[in-house]
mmCIF file of all heavy atoms, coordinates in Angstrom:
data_MODEL
# 
_entry.id   MODEL 
# 
loop_
_atom_site.group_PDB 
_atom_site.id 
_atom_site.type_symbol 
_atom_site.label_atom_id 
_atom_site.label_alt_id 
_atom_site.label_comp_id 
_atom_site.label_asym_id 
_atom_site.label_entity_id 
_atom_site.label_seq_id 
_atom_site.pdbx_PDB_ins_code 
_atom_site.Cartn_x 
_atom_site.Cartn_y 
_atom_site.Cartn_z 
_atom_site.occupancy 
_atom_site.B_iso_or_equiv 
_atom_site.pdbx_formal_charge 
_atom_site.auth_seq_id 
_atom_site.auth_comp_id 
_atom_site.auth_asym_id 
_atom_site.auth_atom_id 
_atom_site.pdbx_PDB_model_num 
ATOM 1   N N   . TYR A 1 1  ? 100.255 -58.253 -149.313 1.00 0.00 ? 1  TYR A N   1 
ATOM 2   C CA  . TYR A 1 1  ? 98.938  -58.167 -150.037 1.00 0.00 ? 1  TYR A CA  1 
ATOM 3   C C   . TYR A 1 1  ? 99.144  -57.554 -151.428 1.00 0.00 ? 1  TYR A C   1 
ATOM 4   O O   . TYR A 1 1  ? 99.650  -56.462 -151.627 1.00 0.00 ? 1  TYR A O   1 
ATOM 5   C CB  . TYR A 1 1  ? 97.931  -57.255 -149.388 1.00 0.00 ? 1  TYR A CB  1 
ATOM 6   C CG  . TYR A 1 1  ? 96.625  -57.048 -150.039 1.00 0.00 ? 1  TYR A CG  1 
ATOM 7   C CD1 . TYR A 1 1  ? 95.781  -58.106 -150.305 1.00 0.00 ? 1  TYR A CD1 1 
ATOM 8   C CD2 . TYR A 1 1  ? 96.313  -55.756 -150.497 1.00 0.00 ? 1  TYR A CD2 1 
ATOM 9   C CE1 . TYR A 1 1  ? 94.553  -57.906 -150.961 1.00 0.00 ? 1  TYR A CE1 1 
ATOM 10  C CE2 . TYR A 1 1  ? 95.103  -55.603 -151.220 1.00 0.00 ? 1  TYR A CE2 1 
ATOM 11  C CZ  . TYR A 1 1  ? 94.205  -56.672 -151.395 1.00 0.00 ? 1  TYR A CZ  1 
ATOM 12  O OH  . TYR A 1 1  ? 93.096  -56.598 -152.011 1.00 0.00 ? 1  TYR A OH  1 
ATOM 13  N N   . LYS A 1 2  ? 98.907  -58.326 -152.484 1.00 0.00 ? 2  LYS A N   1 
ATOM 14  C CA  . LYS A 1 2  ? 99.047  -58.026 -153.876 1.00 0.00 ? 2  LYS A CA  1 
ATOM 15  C C   . LYS A 1 2  ? 97.873  -57.769 -154.597 1.00 0.00 ? 2  LYS A C   1 
ATOM 16  O O   . LYS A 1 2  ? 97.861  -57.733 -155.884 1.00 0.00 ? 2  LYS A O   1 
ATOM 17  C CB  . LYS A 1 2  ? 100.047 -59.044 -154.553 1.00 0.00 ? 2  LYS A CB  1 
ATOM 18  C CG  . LYS A 1 2  ? 101.329 -59.207 -153.834 1.00 0.00 ? 2  LYS A CG  1 
ATOM 19  C CD  . LYS A 1 2  ? 102.211 -58.017 -153.783 1.00 0.00 ? 2  LYS A CD  1 
ATOM 20  C CE  . LYS A 1 2  ? 103.535 -58.262 -153.127 1.00 0.00 ? 2  LYS A CE  1 
ATOM 21  N NZ  . LYS A 1 2  ? 104.304 -57.039 -153.008 1.00 0.00 ? 2  LYS A NZ  1 
ATOM 22  N N   . GLY A 1 3  ? 96.677  -57.637 -153.996 1.00 0.00 ? 3  GLY A N   1 
ATOM 23  C CA  . GLY A 1 3  ? 95.478  -57.413 -154.716 1.00 0.00 ? 3  GLY A CA  1 
ATOM 24  C C   . GLY A 1 3  ? 94.370  -58.457 -154.546 1.00 0.00 ? 3  GLY A C   1 
ATOM 25  O O   . GLY A 1 3  ? 93.236  -58.198 -154.970 1.00 0.00 ? 3  GLY A O   1 
ATOM 26  N N   . ASN A 1 4  ? 94.726  -59.569 -154.053 1.00 0.00 ? 4  ASN A N   1 
ATOM 27  C CA  . ASN A 1 4  ? 93.686  -60.595 -153.915 1.00 0.00 ? 4  ASN A CA  1 
ATOM 28  C C   . ASN A 1 4  ? 93.963  -61.433 -152.702 1.00 0.00 ? 4  ASN A C   1 
ATOM 29  O O   . ASN A 1 4  ? 95.151  -61.498 -152.142 1.00 0.00 ? 4  ASN A O   1 
ATOM 30  C CB  . ASN A 1 4  ? 93.554  -61.540 -155.080 1.00 0.00 ? 4  ASN A CB  1 
ATOM 31  C CG  . ASN A 1 4  ? 94.763  -62.334 -155.356 1.00 0.00 ? 4  ASN A CG  1 
ATOM 32  O OD1 . ASN A 1 4  ? 95.867  -61.889 -155.188 1.00 0.00 ? 4  ASN A OD1 1 
ATOM 33  N ND2 . ASN A 1 4  ? 94.605  -63.609 -155.697 1.00 0.00 ? 4  ASN A ND2 1 
ATOM 34  N N   . ILE A 1 5  ? 92.996  -62.064 -152.075 1.00 0.00 ? 5  ILE A N   1 
ATOM 35  C CA  . ILE A 1 5  ? 93.063  -62.880 -150.910 1.00 0.00 ? 5  ILE A CA  1 
ATOM 36  C C   . ILE A 1 5  ? 92.824  -64.333 -151.191 1.00 0.00 ? 5  ILE A C   1 
ATOM 37  O O   . ILE A 1 5  ? 91.839  -64.657 -151.855 1.00 0.00 ? 5  ILE A O   1 
ATOM 38  C CB  . ILE A 1 5  ? 92.071  -62.378 -149.784 1.00 0.00 ? 5  ILE A CB  1 
ATOM 39  C CG1 . ILE A 1 5  ? 92.340  -60.967 -149.465 1.00 0.00 ? 5  ILE A CG1 1 
ATOM 40  C CG2 . ILE A 1 5  ? 92.190  -63.290 -148.539 1.00 0.00 ? 5  ILE A CG2 1 
ATOM 41  C CD1 . ILE A 1 5  ? 91.393  -60.495 -148.381 1.00 0.00 ? 5  ILE A CD1 1 
ATOM 42  N N   . ARG A 1 6  ? 93.710  -65.197 -150.796 1.00 0.00 ? 6  ARG A N   1 
ATOM 43  C CA  . ARG A 1 6  ? 93.589  -66.631 -150.951 1.00 0.00 ? 6  ARG A CA  1 
ATOM 44  C C   . ARG A 1 6  ? 93.126  -67.327 -149.690 1.00 0.00 ? 6  ARG A C   1 
ATOM 45  O O   . ARG A 1 6  ? 93.249  -66.740 -148.606 1.00 0.00 ? 6  ARG A O   1 
ATOM 46  C CB  . ARG A 1 6  ? 94.831  -67.218 -151.523 1.00 0.00 ? 6  ARG A CB  1 
ATOM 47  C CG  . ARG A 1 6  ? 95.302  -66.737 -152.860 1.00 0.00 ? 6  ARG A CG  1 
ATOM 48  C CD  . ARG A 1 6  ? 96.587  -67.274 -153.264 1.00 0.00 ? 6  ARG A CD  1 
ATOM 49  N NE  . ARG A 1 6  ? 96.975  -66.786 -154.580 1.00 0.00 ? 6  ARG A NE  1 
ATOM 50  C CZ  . ARG A 1 6  ? 97.551  -65.630 -154.883 1.00 0.00 ? 6  ARG A CZ  1 
ATOM 51  N NH1 . ARG A 1 6  ? 97.826  -64.714 -153.862 1.00 0.00 ? 6  ARG A NH1 1 
ATOM 52  N NH2 . ARG A 1 6  ? 97.857  -65.241 -156.097 1.00 0.00 ? 6  ARG A NH2 1 
ATOM 53  N N   . LYS A 1 7  ? 92.660  -68.555 -149.757 1.00 0.00 ? 7  LYS A N   1 
ATOM 54  C CA  . LYS A 1 7  ? 92.206  -69.246 -148.565 1.00 0.00 ? 7  LYS A CA  1 
ATOM 55  C C   . LYS A 1 7  ? 93.351  -69.294 -147.556 1.00 0.00 ? 7  LYS A C   1 
ATOM 56  O O   . LYS A 1 7  ? 93.119  -69.222 -146.399 1.00 0.00 ? 7  LYS A O   1 
ATOM 57  C CB  . LYS A 1 7  ? 91.767  -70.697 -148.970 1.00 0.00 ? 7  LYS A CB  1 
ATOM 58  C CG  . LYS A 1 7  ? 91.238  -71.418 -147.783 1.00 0.00 ? 7  LYS A CG  1 
ATOM 59  C CD  . LYS A 1 7  ? 90.663  -72.824 -148.203 1.00 0.00 ? 7  LYS A CD  1 
ATOM 60  C CE  . LYS A 1 7  ? 90.114  -73.580 -147.122 1.00 0.00 ? 7  LYS A CE  1 
ATOM 61  N NZ  . LYS A 1 7  ? 89.618  -74.943 -147.455 1.00 0.00 ? 7  LYS A NZ  1 
ATOM 62  N N   . ALA A 1 8  ? 94.555  -69.517 -148.017 1.00 0.00 ? 8  ALA A N   1 
ATOM 63  C CA  . ALA A 1 8  ? 95.741  -69.561 -147.080 1.00 0.00 ? 8  ALA A CA  1 
ATOM 64  C C   . ALA A 1 8  ? 95.876  -68.292 -146.288 1.00 0.00 ? 8  ALA A C   1 
ATOM 65  O O   . ALA A 1 8  ? 96.311  -68.269 -145.149 1.00 0.00 ? 8  ALA A O   1 
ATOM 66  C CB  . ALA A 1 8  ? 96.940  -69.883 -147.848 1.00 0.00 ? 8  ALA A CB  1 
ATOM 67  N N   . ASP A 1 9  ? 95.557  -67.194 -146.986 1.00 0.00 ? 9  ASP A N   1 
ATOM 68  C CA  . ASP A 1 9  ? 95.659  -65.867 -146.281 1.00 0.00 ? 9  ASP A CA  1 
ATOM 69  C C   . ASP A 1 9  ? 94.631  -65.808 -145.135 1.00 0.00 ? 9  ASP A C   1 
ATOM 70  O O   . ASP A 1 9  ? 94.941  -65.190 -144.055 1.00 0.00 ? 9  ASP A O   1 
ATOM 71  C CB  . ASP A 1 9  ? 95.467  -64.698 -147.187 1.00 0.00 ? 9  ASP A CB  1 
ATOM 72  C CG  . ASP A 1 9  ? 96.477  -64.680 -148.362 1.00 0.00 ? 9  ASP A CG  1 
ATOM 73  O OD1 . ASP A 1 9  ? 97.721  -64.965 -148.022 1.00 0.00 ? 9  ASP A OD1 1 
ATOM 74  O OD2 . ASP A 1 9  ? 96.149  -64.440 -149.498 1.00 0.00 ? 9  ASP A OD2 1 
ATOM 75  N N   . LEU A 1 10 ? 93.427  -66.360 -145.415 1.00 0.00 ? 10 LEU A N   1 
ATOM 76  C CA  . LEU A 1 10 ? 92.386  -66.346 -144.304 1.00 0.00 ? 10 LEU A CA  1 
ATOM 77  C C   . LEU A 1 10 ? 92.776  -67.203 -143.113 1.00 0.00 ? 10 LEU A C   1 
ATOM 78  O O   . LEU A 1 10 ? 92.416  -66.859 -142.004 1.00 0.00 ? 10 LEU A O   1 
ATOM 79  C CB  . LEU A 1 10 ? 91.107  -66.850 -144.935 1.00 0.00 ? 10 LEU A CB  1 
ATOM 80  C CG  . LEU A 1 10 ? 90.496  -66.070 -146.111 1.00 0.00 ? 10 LEU A CG  1 
ATOM 81  C CD1 . LEU A 1 10 ? 89.182  -66.754 -146.495 1.00 0.00 ? 10 LEU A CD1 1 
ATOM 82  C CD2 . LEU A 1 10 ? 90.272  -64.627 -145.737 1.00 0.00 ? 10 LEU A CD2 1 
ATOM 83  N N   . LEU A 1 11 ? 93.586  -68.140 -143.335 1.00 0.00 ? 11 LEU A N   1 
ATOM 84  C CA  . LEU A 1 11 ? 94.014  -69.072 -142.298 1.00 0.00 ? 11 LEU A CA  1 
ATOM 85  C C   . LEU A 1 11 ? 95.309  -68.663 -141.606 1.00 0.00 ? 11 LEU A C   1 
ATOM 86  O O   . LEU A 1 11 ? 95.587  -69.183 -140.518 1.00 0.00 ? 11 LEU A O   1 
ATOM 87  C CB  . LEU A 1 11 ? 94.111  -70.500 -142.871 1.00 0.00 ? 11 LEU A CB  1 
ATOM 88  C CG  . LEU A 1 11 ? 92.843  -71.074 -143.473 1.00 0.00 ? 11 LEU A CG  1 
ATOM 89  C CD1 . LEU A 1 11 ? 93.166  -72.466 -144.101 1.00 0.00 ? 11 LEU A CD1 1 
ATOM 90  C CD2 . LEU A 1 11 ? 91.721  -71.175 -142.397 1.00 0.00 ? 11 LEU A CD2 1 
ATOM 91  N N   . ARG A 1 12 ? 96.033  -67.715 -142.242 1.00 0.00 ? 12 ARG A N   1 
ATOM 92  C CA  . ARG A 1 12 ? 97.299  -67.339 -141.642 1.00 0.00 ? 12 ARG A CA  1 
ATOM 93  C C   . ARG A 1 12 ? 97.071  -66.468 -140.396 1.00 0.00 ? 12 ARG A C   1 
ATOM 94  O O   . ARG A 1 12 ? 96.389  -65.457 -140.505 1.00 0.00 ? 12 ARG A O   1 
ATOM 95  C CB  . ARG A 1 12 ? 98.136  -66.664 -142.697 1.00 0.00 ? 12 ARG A CB  1 
ATOM 96  C CG  . ARG A 1 12 ? 99.489  -66.368 -142.192 1.00 0.00 ? 12 ARG A CG  1 
ATOM 97  C CD  . ARG A 1 12 ? 100.407 -65.743 -143.403 1.00 0.00 ? 12 ARG A CD  1 
ATOM 98  N NE  . ARG A 1 12 ? 100.642 -66.815 -144.386 1.00 0.00 ? 12 ARG A NE  1 
ATOM 99  C CZ  . ARG A 1 12 ? 100.064 -66.764 -145.626 1.00 0.00 ? 12 ARG A CZ  1 
ATOM 100 N NH1 . ARG A 1 12 ? 99.259  -65.719 -145.920 1.00 0.00 ? 12 ARG A NH1 1 
ATOM 101 N NH2 . ARG A 1 12 ? 100.317 -67.675 -146.496 1.00 0.00 ? 12 ARG A NH2 1 
ATOM 102 N N   . LYS A 1 13 ? 97.728  -66.813 -139.370 1.00 0.00 ? 13 LYS A N   1 
ATOM 103 C CA  . LYS A 1 13 ? 97.469  -66.039 -138.066 1.00 0.00 ? 13 LYS A CA  1 
ATOM 104 C C   . LYS A 1 13 ? 98.341  -64.694 -138.060 1.00 0.00 ? 13 LYS A C   1 
ATOM 105 O O   . LYS A 1 13 ? 99.563  -64.768 -138.349 1.00 0.00 ? 13 LYS A O   1 
ATOM 106 C CB  . LYS A 1 13 ? 97.882  -66.844 -136.855 1.00 0.00 ? 13 LYS A CB  1 
ATOM 107 C CG  . LYS A 1 13 ? 96.903  -68.016 -136.628 1.00 0.00 ? 13 LYS A CG  1 
ATOM 108 C CD  . LYS A 1 13 ? 97.237  -68.760 -135.370 1.00 0.00 ? 13 LYS A CD  1 
ATOM 109 C CE  . LYS A 1 13 ? 96.228  -69.914 -135.097 1.00 0.00 ? 13 LYS A CE  1 
ATOM 110 N NZ  . LYS A 1 13 ? 96.530  -70.621 -133.828 1.00 0.00 ? 13 LYS A NZ  1 
ATOM 111 N N   . THR A 1 14 ? 97.654  -63.614 -137.904 1.00 0.00 ? 14 THR A N   1 
ATOM 112 C CA  . THR A 1 14 ? 98.302  -62.378 -137.662 1.00 0.00 ? 14 THR A CA  1 
ATOM 113 C C   . THR A 1 14 ? 97.508  -61.670 -136.539 1.00 0.00 ? 14 THR A C   1 
ATOM 114 O O   . THR A 1 14 ? 96.380  -62.167 -136.196 1.00 0.00 ? 14 THR A O   1 
ATOM 115 C CB  . THR A 1 14 ? 98.274  -61.436 -138.896 1.00 0.00 ? 14 THR A CB  1 
ATOM 116 O OG1 . THR A 1 14 ? 96.912  -60.931 -139.060 1.00 0.00 ? 14 THR A OG1 1 
ATOM 117 C CG2 . THR A 1 14 ? 98.707  -62.186 -140.172 1.00 0.00 ? 14 THR A CG2 1 
ATOM 118 N N   . PRO A 1 15 ? 98.038  -60.675 -135.881 1.00 0.00 ? 15 PRO A N   1 
ATOM 119 C CA  . PRO A 1 15 ? 97.304  -59.980 -134.771 1.00 0.00 ? 15 PRO A CA  1 
ATOM 120 C C   . PRO A 1 15 ? 95.988  -59.404 -135.224 1.00 0.00 ? 15 PRO A C   1 
ATOM 121 O O   . PRO A 1 15 ? 95.193  -59.029 -134.433 1.00 0.00 ? 15 PRO A O   1 
ATOM 122 C CB  . PRO A 1 15 ? 98.210  -58.938 -134.266 1.00 0.00 ? 15 PRO A CB  1 
ATOM 123 C CG  . PRO A 1 15 ? 99.657  -59.445 -134.651 1.00 0.00 ? 15 PRO A CG  1 
ATOM 124 C CD  . PRO A 1 15 ? 99.390  -60.197 -135.979 1.00 0.00 ? 15 PRO A CD  1 
ATOM 125 N N   . TYR A 1 16 ? 95.873  -59.259 -136.616 1.00 0.00 ? 16 TYR A N   1 
ATOM 126 C CA  . TYR A 1 16 ? 94.766  -58.471 -137.194 1.00 0.00 ? 16 TYR A CA  1 
ATOM 127 C C   . TYR A 1 16 ? 93.732  -59.383 -137.837 1.00 0.00 ? 16 TYR A C   1 
ATOM 128 O O   . TYR A 1 16 ? 92.608  -58.925 -138.170 1.00 0.00 ? 16 TYR A O   1 
ATOM 129 C CB  . TYR A 1 16 ? 95.173  -57.414 -138.087 1.00 0.00 ? 16 TYR A CB  1 
ATOM 130 C CG  . TYR A 1 16 ? 95.922  -56.270 -137.388 1.00 0.00 ? 16 TYR A CG  1 
ATOM 131 C CD1 . TYR A 1 16 ? 97.333  -56.373 -137.196 1.00 0.00 ? 16 TYR A CD1 1 
ATOM 132 C CD2 . TYR A 1 16 ? 95.327  -55.129 -136.915 1.00 0.00 ? 16 TYR A CD2 1 
ATOM 133 C CE1 . TYR A 1 16 ? 97.981  -55.351 -136.572 1.00 0.00 ? 16 TYR A CE1 1 
ATOM 134 C CE2 . TYR A 1 16 ? 95.914  -54.137 -136.310 1.00 0.00 ? 16 TYR A CE2 1 
ATOM 135 C CZ  . TYR A 1 16 ? 97.235  -54.285 -136.132 1.00 0.00 ? 16 TYR A CZ  1 
ATOM 136 O OH  . TYR A 1 16 ? 97.991  -53.233 -135.414 1.00 0.00 ? 16 TYR A OH  1 
ATOM 137 N N   . ASN A 1 17 ? 94.052  -60.595 -138.096 1.00 0.00 ? 17 ASN A N   1 
ATOM 138 C CA  . ASN A 1 17 ? 93.167  -61.507 -138.949 1.00 0.00 ? 17 ASN A CA  1 
ATOM 139 C C   . ASN A 1 17 ? 92.016  -61.990 -138.046 1.00 0.00 ? 17 ASN A C   1 
ATOM 140 O O   . ASN A 1 17 ? 92.091  -62.880 -137.222 1.00 0.00 ? 17 ASN A O   1 
ATOM 141 C CB  . ASN A 1 17 ? 94.032  -62.683 -139.433 1.00 0.00 ? 17 ASN A CB  1 
ATOM 142 C CG  . ASN A 1 17 ? 93.146  -63.553 -140.323 1.00 0.00 ? 17 ASN A CG  1 
ATOM 143 O OD1 . ASN A 1 17 ? 91.979  -63.410 -140.479 1.00 0.00 ? 17 ASN A OD1 1 
ATOM 144 N ND2 . ASN A 1 17 ? 93.837  -64.671 -140.934 1.00 0.00 ? 17 ASN A ND2 1 
ATOM 145 N N   . THR A 1 18 ? 90.840  -61.370 -138.383 1.00 0.00 ? 18 THR A N   1 
ATOM 146 C CA  . THR A 1 18 ? 89.657  -61.772 -137.439 1.00 0.00 ? 18 THR A CA  1 
ATOM 147 C C   . THR A 1 18 ? 89.043  -63.108 -137.903 1.00 0.00 ? 18 THR A C   1 
ATOM 148 O O   . THR A 1 18 ? 87.964  -63.431 -137.398 1.00 0.00 ? 18 THR A O   1 
ATOM 149 C CB  . THR A 1 18 ? 88.587  -60.628 -137.524 1.00 0.00 ? 18 THR A CB  1 
ATOM 150 O OG1 . THR A 1 18 ? 88.322  -60.324 -138.991 1.00 0.00 ? 18 THR A OG1 1 
ATOM 151 C CG2 . THR A 1 18 ? 89.100  -59.398 -136.854 1.00 0.00 ? 18 THR A CG2 1 
ATOM 152 N N   . TYR A 1 19 ? 89.666  -63.736 -138.850 1.00 0.00 ? 19 TYR A N   1 
ATOM 153 C CA  . TYR A 1 19 ? 89.283  -65.137 -139.081 1.00 0.00 ? 19 TYR A CA  1 
ATOM 154 C C   . TYR A 1 19 ? 89.974  -66.072 -138.122 1.00 0.00 ? 19 TYR A C   1 
ATOM 155 O O   . TYR A 1 19 ? 89.534  -67.233 -137.954 1.00 0.00 ? 19 TYR A O   1 
ATOM 156 C CB  . TYR A 1 19 ? 89.643  -65.630 -140.539 1.00 0.00 ? 19 TYR A CB  1 
ATOM 157 C CG  . TYR A 1 19 ? 88.746  -65.052 -141.553 1.00 0.00 ? 19 TYR A CG  1 
ATOM 158 C CD1 . TYR A 1 19 ? 88.840  -63.850 -142.158 1.00 0.00 ? 19 TYR A CD1 1 
ATOM 159 C CD2 . TYR A 1 19 ? 87.655  -65.851 -142.069 1.00 0.00 ? 19 TYR A CD2 1 
ATOM 160 C CE1 . TYR A 1 19 ? 88.027  -63.330 -143.164 1.00 0.00 ? 19 TYR A CE1 1 
ATOM 161 C CE2 . TYR A 1 19 ? 86.779  -65.384 -143.048 1.00 0.00 ? 19 TYR A CE2 1 
ATOM 162 C CZ  . TYR A 1 19 ? 87.051  -64.168 -143.624 1.00 0.00 ? 19 TYR A CZ  1 
ATOM 163 O OH  . TYR A 1 19 ? 86.125  -63.719 -144.559 1.00 0.00 ? 19 TYR A OH  1 
ATOM 164 N N   . THR A 1 20 ? 90.986  -65.642 -137.501 1.00 0.00 ? 20 THR A N   1 
ATOM 165 C CA  . THR A 1 20 ? 91.802  -66.496 -136.593 1.00 0.00 ? 20 THR A CA  1 
ATOM 166 C C   . THR A 1 20 ? 91.847  -66.000 -135.160 1.00 0.00 ? 20 THR A C   1 
ATOM 167 O O   . THR A 1 20 ? 92.231  -66.702 -134.258 1.00 0.00 ? 20 THR A O   1 
ATOM 168 C CB  . THR A 1 20 ? 93.277  -66.616 -137.097 1.00 0.00 ? 20 THR A CB  1 
ATOM 169 O OG1 . THR A 1 20 ? 93.862  -65.396 -137.152 1.00 0.00 ? 20 THR A OG1 1 
ATOM 170 C CG2 . THR A 1 20 ? 93.279  -67.229 -138.490 1.00 0.00 ? 20 THR A CG2 1 
ATOM 171 N N   . ILE A 1 21 ? 91.458  -64.626 -134.938 1.00 0.00 ? 21 ILE A N   1 
ATOM 172 C CA  . ILE A 1 21 ? 91.500  -64.152 -133.649 1.00 0.00 ? 21 ILE A CA  1 
ATOM 173 C C   . ILE A 1 21 ? 90.122  -63.858 -133.122 1.00 0.00 ? 21 ILE A C   1 
ATOM 174 O O   . ILE A 1 21 ? 89.137  -63.737 -133.937 1.00 0.00 ? 21 ILE A O   1 
ATOM 175 C CB  . ILE A 1 21 ? 92.285  -62.814 -133.478 1.00 0.00 ? 21 ILE A CB  1 
ATOM 176 C CG1 . ILE A 1 21 ? 91.606  -61.713 -134.307 1.00 0.00 ? 21 ILE A CG1 1 
ATOM 177 C CG2 . ILE A 1 21 ? 93.661  -63.004 -133.954 1.00 0.00 ? 21 ILE A CG2 1 
ATOM 178 C CD1 . ILE A 1 21 ? 92.173  -60.340 -134.153 1.00 0.00 ? 21 ILE A CD1 1 
ATOM 179 N N   . ASN A 1 22 ? 89.897  -63.826 -131.869 1.00 0.00 ? 22 ASN A N   1 
ATOM 180 C CA  . ASN A 1 22 ? 88.601  -63.502 -131.268 1.00 0.00 ? 22 ASN A CA  1 
ATOM 181 C C   . ASN A 1 22 ? 88.481  -62.014 -130.947 1.00 0.00 ? 22 ASN A C   1 
ATOM 182 O O   . ASN A 1 22 ? 89.592  -61.405 -130.662 1.00 0.00 ? 22 ASN A O   1 
ATOM 183 C CB  . ASN A 1 22 ? 88.336  -64.245 -129.925 1.00 0.00 ? 22 ASN A CB  1 
ATOM 184 C CG  . ASN A 1 22 ? 88.283  -65.743 -130.174 1.00 0.00 ? 22 ASN A CG  1 
ATOM 185 O OD1 . ASN A 1 22 ? 87.732  -66.314 -131.112 1.00 0.00 ? 22 ASN A OD1 1 
ATOM 186 N ND2 . ASN A 1 22 ? 88.898  -66.531 -129.285 1.00 0.00 ? 22 ASN A ND2 1 
ATOM 187 N N   . GLY A 1 23 ? 87.376  -61.382 -131.168 1.00 0.00 ? 23 GLY A N   1 
ATOM 188 C CA  . GLY A 1 23 ? 87.160  -59.964 -130.796 1.00 0.00 ? 23 GLY A CA  1 
ATOM 189 C C   . GLY A 1 23 ? 87.788  -59.028 -131.831 1.00 0.00 ? 23 GLY A C   1 
ATOM 190 O O   . GLY A 1 23 ? 87.893  -59.460 -133.044 1.00 0.00 ? 23 GLY A O   1 
ATOM 191 N N   . LEU A 1 24 ? 88.165  -57.841 -131.484 1.00 0.00 ? 24 LEU A N   1 
ATOM 192 C CA  . LEU A 1 24 ? 88.560  -56.831 -132.316 1.00 0.00 ? 24 LEU A CA  1 
ATOM 193 C C   . LEU A 1 24 ? 90.098  -56.846 -132.492 1.00 0.00 ? 24 LEU A C   1 
ATOM 194 O O   . LEU A 1 24 ? 90.795  -57.371 -131.647 1.00 0.00 ? 24 LEU A O   1 
ATOM 195 C CB  . LEU A 1 24 ? 88.234  -55.453 -131.826 1.00 0.00 ? 24 LEU A CB  1 
ATOM 196 C CG  . LEU A 1 24 ? 86.650  -55.140 -131.871 1.00 0.00 ? 24 LEU A CG  1 
ATOM 197 C CD1 . LEU A 1 24 ? 86.318  -53.883 -131.051 1.00 0.00 ? 24 LEU A CD1 1 
ATOM 198 C CD2 . LEU A 1 24 ? 86.176  -54.931 -133.313 1.00 0.00 ? 24 LEU A CD2 1 
ATOM 199 N N   . PRO A 1 25 ? 90.618  -56.359 -133.612 1.00 0.00 ? 25 PRO A N   1 
ATOM 200 C CA  . PRO A 1 25 ? 92.132  -56.279 -133.711 1.00 0.00 ? 25 PRO A CA  1 
ATOM 201 C C   . PRO A 1 25 ? 92.655  -55.321 -132.747 1.00 0.00 ? 25 PRO A C   1 
ATOM 202 O O   . PRO A 1 25 ? 91.879  -54.466 -132.035 1.00 0.00 ? 25 PRO A O   1 
ATOM 203 C CB  . PRO A 1 25 ? 92.280  -55.672 -135.188 1.00 0.00 ? 25 PRO A CB  1 
ATOM 204 C CG  . PRO A 1 25 ? 90.994  -55.945 -135.839 1.00 0.00 ? 25 PRO A CG  1 
ATOM 205 C CD  . PRO A 1 25 ? 89.973  -55.914 -134.844 1.00 0.00 ? 25 PRO A CD  1 
# 
């Protein structure tokens, strides 16, 4: 993370990305 979020970041799966996971981190 360098200060801004791009659309690709919203779609990138991580255990914490609540755009791609269900429920809470």
